[in-house]
Protein backbone atom coordinates (compact mmCIF):
# COMPACT_ATOMS: atom_id res chain seq x y z
CA MET A 1 21.17 -7.45 8.72
CA ARG A 2 22.05 -6.09 5.29
CA ILE A 3 18.83 -5.34 3.47
CA LEU A 4 17.80 -4.52 -0.11
CA ILE A 5 14.50 -2.65 -0.37
CA LEU A 6 12.80 -2.90 -3.77
CA GLY A 7 11.04 0.20 -5.05
CA SER A 8 11.34 3.92 -5.72
CA GLY A 9 8.50 5.60 -3.86
CA ALA A 10 7.87 7.41 -0.60
CA ARG A 11 6.87 4.09 0.95
CA GLU A 12 10.36 2.72 0.30
CA HIS A 13 11.94 5.96 1.52
CA ALA A 14 10.01 5.74 4.81
CA ILE A 15 11.04 2.10 5.29
CA ALA A 16 14.68 2.88 4.45
CA TRP A 17 14.61 5.89 6.79
CA LYS A 18 13.38 3.71 9.67
CA ILE A 19 15.70 0.74 9.10
CA SER A 20 18.72 2.97 8.43
CA ALA A 21 18.31 4.54 11.87
CA GLU A 22 18.32 1.01 13.34
CA ILE A 23 21.15 -0.76 11.51
CA GLY A 24 23.09 2.07 9.85
CA ARG A 25 22.89 3.41 6.29
CA ASP A 26 25.87 1.28 5.17
CA ASN A 27 23.62 -1.79 5.56
CA VAL A 28 20.65 -0.40 3.62
CA PHE A 29 20.29 -0.62 -0.17
CA ILE A 30 17.37 0.55 -2.32
CA ALA A 31 16.69 -0.56 -5.90
CA PRO A 32 16.27 1.68 -7.74
CA GLY A 33 15.48 4.29 -5.05
CA ASN A 34 14.96 8.02 -5.58
CA GLY A 35 16.42 11.39 -4.67
CA GLY A 36 15.58 10.91 -0.99
CA THR A 37 16.44 7.27 -0.37
CA GLU A 38 20.12 7.98 -1.04
CA LEU A 39 20.12 9.87 2.27
CA CYS A 40 19.27 6.61 4.07
CA GLY A 41 21.35 4.08 2.17
CA THR A 42 22.83 3.17 -1.21
CA ASN A 43 20.70 3.55 -4.31
CA VAL A 44 21.16 0.61 -6.68
CA ASP A 45 20.60 1.26 -10.39
CA ILE A 46 18.64 -1.95 -10.99
CA GLY A 47 14.92 -2.17 -11.66
CA TYR A 48 12.97 -4.02 -8.98
CA MET A 49 11.73 -6.56 -11.58
CA GLN A 50 15.23 -7.50 -12.77
CA PHE A 51 15.52 -10.53 -10.51
CA ASP A 52 18.76 -11.98 -11.90
CA ASP A 53 20.58 -8.68 -11.54
CA LEU A 54 19.15 -8.16 -8.06
CA LYS A 55 20.31 -11.59 -6.93
CA ASN A 56 23.81 -11.01 -8.31
CA TYR A 57 23.98 -7.65 -6.53
CA CYS A 58 22.91 -9.27 -3.25
CA LEU A 59 25.60 -11.94 -3.60
CA ALA A 60 28.30 -9.38 -4.43
CA ASN A 61 27.37 -7.16 -1.48
CA ASP A 62 26.61 -9.73 1.22
CA ILE A 63 22.94 -8.75 1.39
CA ASP A 64 20.94 -11.28 3.40
CA THR A 65 17.41 -9.81 3.29
CA VAL A 66 15.20 -8.52 0.47
CA LEU A 67 12.07 -6.47 1.18
CA PRO A 68 9.77 -5.84 -1.81
CA GLY A 69 8.00 -2.52 -1.37
CA SER A 70 5.35 -2.82 -4.06
CA GLU A 71 3.00 -5.51 -5.32
CA GLU A 72 4.45 -6.00 -8.80
CA ALA A 73 7.59 -7.83 -7.73
CA ILE A 74 5.61 -10.05 -5.33
CA ALA A 75 3.04 -10.89 -8.02
CA ALA A 76 5.88 -11.73 -10.42
CA GLY A 77 7.34 -14.19 -7.90
CA VAL A 78 10.43 -12.51 -6.47
CA ARG A 79 10.42 -14.82 -3.44
CA ASP A 80 9.96 -17.89 -5.64
CA PHE A 81 12.87 -16.75 -7.80
CA PHE A 82 15.30 -16.46 -4.89
CA GLU A 83 14.15 -19.69 -3.23
CA ASN A 84 14.46 -21.63 -6.47
CA SER A 85 17.93 -20.30 -7.34
CA THR A 86 20.95 -22.41 -6.49
CA ASP A 87 23.10 -19.58 -5.16
CA GLY A 88 20.49 -17.17 -3.79
CA LYS A 89 18.18 -19.43 -1.81
CA HIS A 90 19.83 -18.38 1.48
CA ILE A 91 18.68 -14.79 0.95
CA TYR A 92 15.52 -14.11 2.96
CA VAL A 93 12.76 -12.45 0.93
CA PHE A 94 10.24 -10.92 3.33
CA SER A 95 7.10 -11.41 1.25
CA PRO A 96 4.60 -14.11 0.30
CA ASP A 97 5.34 -16.34 -2.66
CA LYS A 98 3.55 -15.78 -5.97
CA HIS A 99 0.65 -18.10 -5.15
CA ALA A 100 -0.07 -16.54 -1.74
CA GLY A 101 0.43 -13.09 -3.28
CA GLN A 102 -2.84 -13.63 -5.13
CA LEU A 103 -4.53 -12.27 -2.02
CA GLU A 104 -3.75 -8.96 -3.72
CA SER A 105 -3.14 -9.85 -7.36
CA SER A 106 -6.48 -11.67 -7.78
CA LYS A 107 -9.71 -10.22 -6.42
CA ALA A 108 -11.49 -13.56 -6.98
CA PHE A 109 -8.77 -15.45 -5.07
CA ALA A 110 -9.11 -13.04 -2.14
CA LYS A 111 -12.89 -13.31 -2.12
CA GLU A 112 -12.75 -17.11 -2.16
CA PHE A 113 -10.25 -17.02 0.72
CA MET A 114 -12.54 -14.80 2.78
CA GLN A 115 -15.56 -16.94 1.99
CA LYS A 116 -13.77 -20.09 3.22
CA GLU A 117 -12.70 -18.36 6.45
CA ASN A 118 -16.04 -16.60 7.08
CA ILE A 119 -14.39 -13.18 7.01
CA PRO A 120 -16.91 -10.35 6.58
CA THR A 121 -16.83 -8.83 3.09
CA ALA A 122 -19.29 -7.68 0.43
CA ALA A 123 -21.35 -10.31 -1.40
CA TYR A 124 -19.89 -10.97 -4.85
CA GLN A 125 -19.69 -13.09 -8.00
CA ALA A 126 -16.87 -13.39 -10.55
CA PHE A 127 -17.34 -13.44 -14.32
CA THR A 128 -15.32 -14.01 -17.50
CA LYS A 129 -15.90 -13.12 -21.15
CA GLU A 130 -17.80 -16.37 -21.57
CA SER A 131 -20.22 -15.54 -18.74
CA VAL A 132 -20.81 -11.86 -19.47
CA ASP A 133 -24.57 -12.41 -19.88
CA GLU A 134 -24.67 -13.91 -16.38
CA GLY A 135 -22.83 -10.81 -15.23
CA TYR A 136 -25.56 -8.63 -16.70
CA ALA A 137 -28.18 -10.67 -14.81
CA PHE A 138 -26.24 -10.38 -11.55
CA LEU A 139 -26.03 -6.60 -11.97
CA GLU A 140 -29.82 -6.53 -12.43
CA SER A 141 -30.22 -8.34 -9.09
CA LEU A 142 -28.26 -5.65 -7.23
CA GLU A 143 -29.21 -2.19 -6.09
CA SER A 144 -27.27 0.87 -7.25
CA PRO A 145 -24.40 1.74 -7.03
CA TYR A 146 -22.62 -1.11 -8.79
CA VAL A 147 -19.02 -2.11 -7.99
CA LEU A 148 -16.89 -3.67 -10.77
CA LYS A 149 -13.33 -4.82 -10.00
CA ALA A 150 -10.78 -6.07 -12.49
CA ASP A 151 -9.50 -9.34 -11.00
CA GLY A 152 -5.80 -8.60 -11.55
CA LEU A 153 -3.44 -5.72 -10.84
CA ALA A 154 -4.46 -2.59 -12.74
CA ALA A 155 -2.29 0.09 -11.10
CA GLY A 156 -5.15 1.18 -8.85
CA LYS A 157 -7.44 1.93 -11.79
CA GLY A 158 -9.35 -1.36 -12.03
CA VAL A 159 -12.23 -0.53 -9.67
CA LEU A 160 -15.35 1.19 -11.00
CA ILE A 161 -18.30 2.37 -8.89
CA LEU A 162 -21.26 3.27 -11.08
CA ASN A 163 -24.77 4.49 -10.32
CA ASP A 164 -26.46 3.63 -13.63
CA LEU A 165 -27.29 0.01 -14.48
CA GLU A 166 -26.86 0.38 -18.24
CA GLU A 167 -23.51 2.12 -17.77
CA ALA A 168 -22.45 -0.73 -15.45
CA LYS A 169 -23.35 -3.27 -18.15
CA THR A 170 -21.44 -1.29 -20.77
CA GLU A 171 -18.37 -1.11 -18.55
CA LEU A 172 -18.58 -4.83 -17.75
CA LYS A 173 -18.51 -5.59 -21.47
CA SER A 174 -15.64 -3.14 -21.95
CA MET A 175 -13.63 -4.85 -19.22
CA LEU A 176 -14.31 -8.46 -20.16
CA VAL A 177 -14.85 -8.44 -23.92
CA ASP A 178 -12.87 -5.38 -24.98
CA GLU A 179 -10.13 -6.00 -22.35
CA LYS A 180 -10.21 -2.42 -21.06
CA PHE A 181 -7.58 -3.27 -18.45
CA GLY A 182 -5.79 -5.96 -20.49
CA ASN A 183 -5.10 -9.23 -18.71
CA ALA A 184 -6.15 -7.68 -15.41
CA SER A 185 -9.81 -7.71 -16.51
CA LYS A 186 -9.98 -11.16 -18.09
CA GLN A 187 -12.02 -11.87 -14.99
CA VAL A 188 -14.18 -9.27 -13.23
CA VAL A 189 -15.61 -9.37 -9.72
CA ILE A 190 -18.98 -7.68 -9.25
CA GLU A 191 -19.80 -7.01 -5.64
CA GLU A 192 -22.38 -5.45 -3.39
CA PHE A 193 -21.75 -1.80 -2.57
CA LEU A 194 -20.95 -1.13 1.08
CA ASP A 195 -21.68 2.37 2.36
CA GLY A 196 -19.38 3.45 5.18
CA ILE A 197 -16.04 5.00 6.09
CA GLU A 198 -12.75 3.35 5.13
CA PHE A 199 -9.46 2.83 6.94
CA SER A 200 -6.50 0.45 6.87
CA VAL A 201 -4.92 -1.99 9.32
CA PHE A 202 -1.54 -3.70 8.91
CA ALA A 203 -0.14 -6.93 10.32
CA LEU A 204 3.50 -8.02 10.04
CA THR A 205 3.52 -11.82 10.04
CA ASP A 206 5.65 -14.92 9.66
CA GLY A 207 2.52 -16.78 8.55
CA GLU A 208 1.59 -17.93 12.05
CA LYS A 209 2.32 -15.14 14.53
CA TYR A 210 1.57 -11.50 13.80
CA VAL A 211 2.36 -8.01 15.07
CA LEU A 212 -0.39 -5.45 14.59
CA LEU A 213 1.08 -2.16 13.35
CA PRO A 214 -0.52 1.30 13.76
CA GLU A 215 -3.64 1.87 11.67
CA ALA A 216 -4.17 4.69 9.15
CA LYS A 217 -6.66 6.40 6.88
CA ASP A 218 -5.57 7.52 3.43
CA TYR A 219 -6.99 9.82 0.76
CA LYS A 220 -6.86 8.55 -2.81
CA ARG A 221 -8.86 11.01 -4.94
CA ILE A 222 -7.07 13.92 -6.62
CA GLY A 223 -9.71 16.50 -5.69
CA GLU A 224 -10.77 17.99 -2.39
CA GLY A 225 -13.94 16.46 -0.99
CA ASP A 226 -12.80 13.09 -2.38
CA VAL A 227 -13.73 13.87 -5.98
CA GLY A 228 -11.97 13.22 -9.26
CA LEU A 229 -9.68 10.43 -10.38
CA ASN A 230 -7.96 7.94 -8.09
CA THR A 231 -4.28 8.52 -7.39
CA GLY A 232 -1.55 6.61 -5.62
CA GLY A 233 -2.50 8.62 -2.52
CA MET A 234 -2.71 12.30 -1.60
CA GLY A 235 -2.30 12.05 2.17
CA ALA A 236 -2.87 9.98 5.30
CA VAL A 237 -3.56 10.20 9.03
CA SER A 238 -2.62 7.91 11.94
CA PRO A 239 -4.12 7.00 14.37
CA VAL A 240 -7.69 6.83 13.07
CA PRO A 241 -9.94 8.68 15.56
CA PHE A 242 -13.04 6.54 14.91
CA TYR A 243 -11.08 3.30 15.49
CA THR A 244 -12.51 2.70 18.95
CA GLU A 245 -11.50 -0.11 21.29
CA GLU A 246 -14.74 -1.92 20.38
CA LEU A 247 -14.07 -1.59 16.66
CA LYS A 248 -10.47 -2.71 17.18
CA ARG A 249 -11.64 -5.77 19.10
CA LYS A 250 -14.04 -6.69 16.29
CA THR A 251 -11.38 -6.10 13.65
CA ILE A 252 -8.89 -8.38 15.38
CA SER A 253 -11.34 -11.17 16.26
CA GLN A 254 -13.41 -11.16 13.06
CA ILE A 255 -10.79 -10.24 10.45
CA VAL A 256 -7.11 -10.18 11.47
CA GLU A 257 -6.92 -13.45 13.40
CA PRO A 258 -9.13 -15.47 11.00
CA THR A 259 -6.96 -14.20 8.11
CA ILE A 260 -3.67 -15.21 9.74
CA LYS A 261 -5.07 -18.60 10.78
CA GLY A 262 -6.57 -19.04 7.31
CA LEU A 263 -3.16 -18.60 5.69
CA GLY A 264 -1.94 -21.70 7.51
CA LYS A 265 -5.16 -23.68 7.07
CA GLN A 266 -5.10 -23.11 3.32
CA GLY A 267 -1.39 -23.93 3.05
CA LEU A 268 -0.36 -20.50 1.77
CA LYS A 269 3.35 -19.62 1.97
CA PHE A 270 2.81 -16.21 3.47
CA ARG A 271 5.16 -13.94 5.35
CA GLY A 272 5.54 -10.19 5.20
CA ILE A 273 2.74 -7.65 5.54
CA VAL A 274 -1.01 -8.19 5.35
CA PHE A 275 -2.71 -4.90 4.51
CA PHE A 276 -6.40 -4.94 5.41
CA GLY A 277 -8.40 -2.37 3.45
CA LEU A 278 -11.50 -2.05 5.63
CA ILE A 279 -14.83 -0.26 5.69
CA VAL A 280 -17.01 0.34 8.74
CA VAL A 281 -20.73 -0.27 8.17
CA ASN A 282 -23.00 0.22 11.22
CA ASN A 283 -19.94 -0.08 13.48
CA ASP A 284 -18.94 -3.43 11.97
CA PRO A 285 -15.74 -3.89 9.92
CA PHE A 286 -15.76 -5.48 6.46
CA VAL A 287 -12.81 -6.25 4.19
CA ILE A 288 -12.79 -4.32 0.93
CA GLU A 289 -9.44 -5.72 -0.19
CA TYR A 290 -6.18 -7.27 0.89
CA ASN A 291 -2.74 -6.03 -0.10
CA VAL A 292 0.38 -8.08 0.52
CA ARG A 293 2.72 -5.16 1.32
CA MET A 294 2.56 -1.82 3.08
CA GLY A 295 0.32 0.83 1.56
CA ASP A 296 1.35 4.18 0.17
CA PRO A 297 0.81 6.87 1.55
CA GLU A 298 -0.11 4.98 4.75
CA THR A 299 3.50 3.85 5.26
CA GLU A 300 4.54 7.48 5.57
CA VAL A 301 2.51 7.79 8.80
CA VAL A 302 2.51 4.18 10.08
CA ILE A 303 6.28 3.64 10.03
CA PRO A 304 7.15 6.98 11.73
CA ARG A 305 4.67 6.10 14.52
CA LEU A 306 6.10 2.60 14.99
CA ASP A 307 7.92 2.73 18.33
CA GLU A 308 9.72 -0.58 17.83
CA SER A 309 12.57 -1.81 15.67
CA LEU A 310 11.23 -2.76 12.24
CA SER A 311 14.46 -4.55 11.37
CA GLN A 312 14.18 -6.63 14.57
CA LEU A 313 10.59 -7.61 13.77
CA ILE A 314 11.75 -8.83 10.35
CA GLU A 315 14.62 -10.73 11.99
CA ASP A 316 12.18 -12.29 14.46
CA ALA A 317 9.98 -13.44 11.59
CA LYS A 318 13.04 -14.92 9.89
CA ASN A 319 14.22 -16.70 13.03
CA GLY A 320 10.84 -18.03 14.15
CA THR A 321 10.86 -15.86 17.28
CA LEU A 322 8.05 -13.45 16.34
CA LEU A 323 5.46 -13.06 19.12
CA SER A 324 1.88 -11.99 18.41
CA LYS A 325 1.17 -8.56 19.88
CA THR A 326 0.12 -5.01 19.13
CA ALA A 327 3.21 -2.98 18.33
CA LYS A 328 4.11 -0.01 20.46
CA ALA A 329 3.20 3.27 18.77
CA LYS A 330 4.29 6.82 19.46
CA SER A 331 1.61 8.97 21.08
CA GLY A 332 -0.07 11.80 19.26
CA TYR A 333 -0.78 11.97 15.54
CA ALA A 334 1.28 11.59 12.40
CA THR A 335 -0.04 13.10 9.17
CA THR A 336 1.31 13.27 5.65
CA VAL A 337 0.36 15.51 2.72
CA PHE A 338 1.57 14.87 -0.83
CA ALA A 339 2.77 17.44 -3.35
CA VAL A 340 2.07 16.09 -6.85
CA SER A 341 2.88 17.17 -10.39
CA GLY A 342 0.42 19.34 -12.28
CA GLY A 343 -1.86 17.17 -14.43
CA TYR A 344 -1.40 14.05 -12.30
CA PRO A 345 -2.89 11.39 -12.32
CA GLU A 346 -3.18 12.00 -16.06
CA ALA A 347 -0.43 13.52 -18.23
CA TYR A 348 2.24 15.48 -16.36
CA GLU A 349 5.74 16.78 -16.99
CA LYS A 350 8.95 15.64 -15.32
CA GLY A 351 12.23 17.40 -14.71
CA LYS A 352 10.88 20.40 -12.78
CA GLU A 353 13.46 21.77 -10.35
CA ILE A 354 12.44 21.43 -6.70
CA SER A 355 13.31 23.91 -3.99
CA ILE A 356 12.82 22.99 -0.34
CA GLY A 357 12.60 25.74 2.24
CA ILE A 358 12.35 23.50 5.31
CA ASP A 359 14.17 20.66 7.06
CA SER A 360 14.14 17.87 4.49
CA GLU A 361 13.93 15.20 7.22
CA THR A 362 10.16 15.74 7.34
CA LEU A 363 9.88 14.86 3.66
CA PHE A 364 9.61 11.42 2.12
CA HIS A 365 10.54 11.44 -1.55
CA ALA A 366 8.53 9.64 -4.24
CA GLY A 367 8.94 11.03 -7.75
CA THR A 368 12.31 12.77 -7.37
CA LYS A 369 15.83 12.30 -8.66
CA ARG A 370 19.16 14.09 -8.35
CA MET A 371 20.58 15.81 -11.43
CA ASP A 372 24.04 17.19 -10.68
CA THR A 373 23.41 19.51 -7.73
CA SER A 374 19.68 19.84 -8.33
CA LEU A 375 16.66 17.85 -7.15
CA VAL A 376 14.01 17.50 -9.87
CA THR A 377 10.59 15.92 -10.25
CA ASN A 378 10.55 12.41 -11.70
CA GLY A 379 6.97 11.24 -11.20
CA GLY A 380 3.37 12.17 -10.53
CA ARG A 381 3.56 11.97 -6.75
CA VAL A 382 6.64 13.95 -5.79
CA LEU A 383 7.09 14.52 -2.04
CA ALA A 384 5.18 13.65 1.15
CA ALA A 385 5.42 15.95 4.16
CA THR A 386 5.06 13.88 7.34
CA CYS A 387 4.77 15.62 10.69
CA PHE A 388 3.78 14.85 14.28
CA GLY A 389 1.47 16.67 16.65
CA ASP A 390 -0.26 16.19 19.98
CA SER A 391 -3.53 16.58 18.07
CA MET A 392 -4.53 15.75 14.52
CA ARG A 393 -4.94 19.46 13.78
CA SER A 394 -1.48 20.39 15.01
CA ALA A 395 0.08 17.56 12.99
CA LEU A 396 -1.80 18.64 9.87
CA ASP A 397 -0.85 22.28 10.39
CA ALA A 398 2.80 21.20 10.49
CA SER A 399 2.42 19.01 7.38
CA TYR A 400 0.83 21.87 5.47
CA ALA A 401 3.51 24.31 6.57
CA SER A 402 6.05 21.78 5.37
CA ILE A 403 4.40 21.17 1.99
CA LYS A 404 4.05 24.92 1.39
CA GLY A 405 7.83 25.14 1.75
CA VAL A 406 8.24 22.77 -1.20
CA ASN A 407 8.14 24.49 -4.57
CA PHE A 408 8.21 23.30 -8.16
CA ASP A 409 6.34 24.33 -11.29
CA LYS A 410 2.61 23.37 -11.23
CA LYS A 411 2.77 21.85 -7.74
CA HIS A 412 -0.60 20.60 -6.49
CA TYR A 413 -1.80 19.26 -3.14
CA ARG A 414 -5.09 18.64 -1.36
CA ALA A 415 -5.91 21.13 1.38
CA ASP A 416 -8.55 18.95 3.09
CA ILE A 417 -6.63 15.92 4.37
CA GLY A 418 -8.22 14.79 7.65
CA LYS A 419 -11.18 17.17 7.35
CA ASP A 420 -13.69 14.30 7.37
CA LEU A 421 -12.19 13.02 10.64
CA GLU A 422 -12.63 16.22 12.64
CA LYS A 423 -16.08 15.15 13.89
CA TYR A 424 -14.52 12.10 15.54
CA VAL A 425 -11.72 13.93 17.39
């Protein structure tokens, strides 16, 4: 295998780190990559949405596999592009096509899919600008809080949870009529609020068979105690201590298997990763959302715990030899804690010099780049410190020791990752 990984975050660094150890760094390429991915392979100075240039690079470098890290390239049809090209159709893109990718890129599409397959999820209705008055009436039929979701991709900012009915109506109008989130909110899904604790499950699939990867719980809010604005992710823990054998059995039988079977039944061209964003209500799992790629920061704990060859699983999917199973996972806990730029997720400065006082192998880079001999910040989420431990506490202690050894101007991190899980350990 010679693989091109599309993206520039810590998720892509973790994937490159894993695959590089399996097939050698000379066979791993990352477009465009970051200051850490170059340690695992060759950074390619091409944006992950520049499909023509990516295809030409693959052809010139004998690359046979493309792995999109983030949702944007999948939603834009990167697999369709390669399959429909005359000279690049032999290159295997490990992702769903654009239509099947709507499981993530369209909330209404995902809800309709779940409804057809009887997969447990919150009750909902979808509305457009023309039916905004019906949306108001539906809000009036619900109890507070009210959940509004922009149908399309909105960089993680398209979900609003509001306690006041009039505010919910105002925001619905802002999304649909005033196009608060642009094209992403031309349609809005309003759904019942589910009160519970969230976690994530991942299945690698060829569209028929699947391999269940380790589960994780992530932390999205910028502030401790899960307050403040949503981010790309401030930390994660794997395994999830409340994910009991009973809950796992329900998750597989009620959600994972019906989803994989439903892909075939509905004729969706799906391969790659199904990310199940789940919530537990009264010990029953419900789907909050699907993603069609690995999550971030979950990847930074899931992939290090994966005690199997990721590159071989992808090859098995390609060759039709994938066998359904639960993947082997390393014992103990993996935790990750993110250092982010001051001001993130709002305005922040780039170009701050980074000093690292620990073994850099425990760090997955996100917003970094190399400038001459220096490593500098190049994004809001900068570095993730992933560590192992026999217990969740020992893993977290190691992650925090690691993140404290990272220094740059206005560094910020959450000091309470995993705190809500202590009662389950």
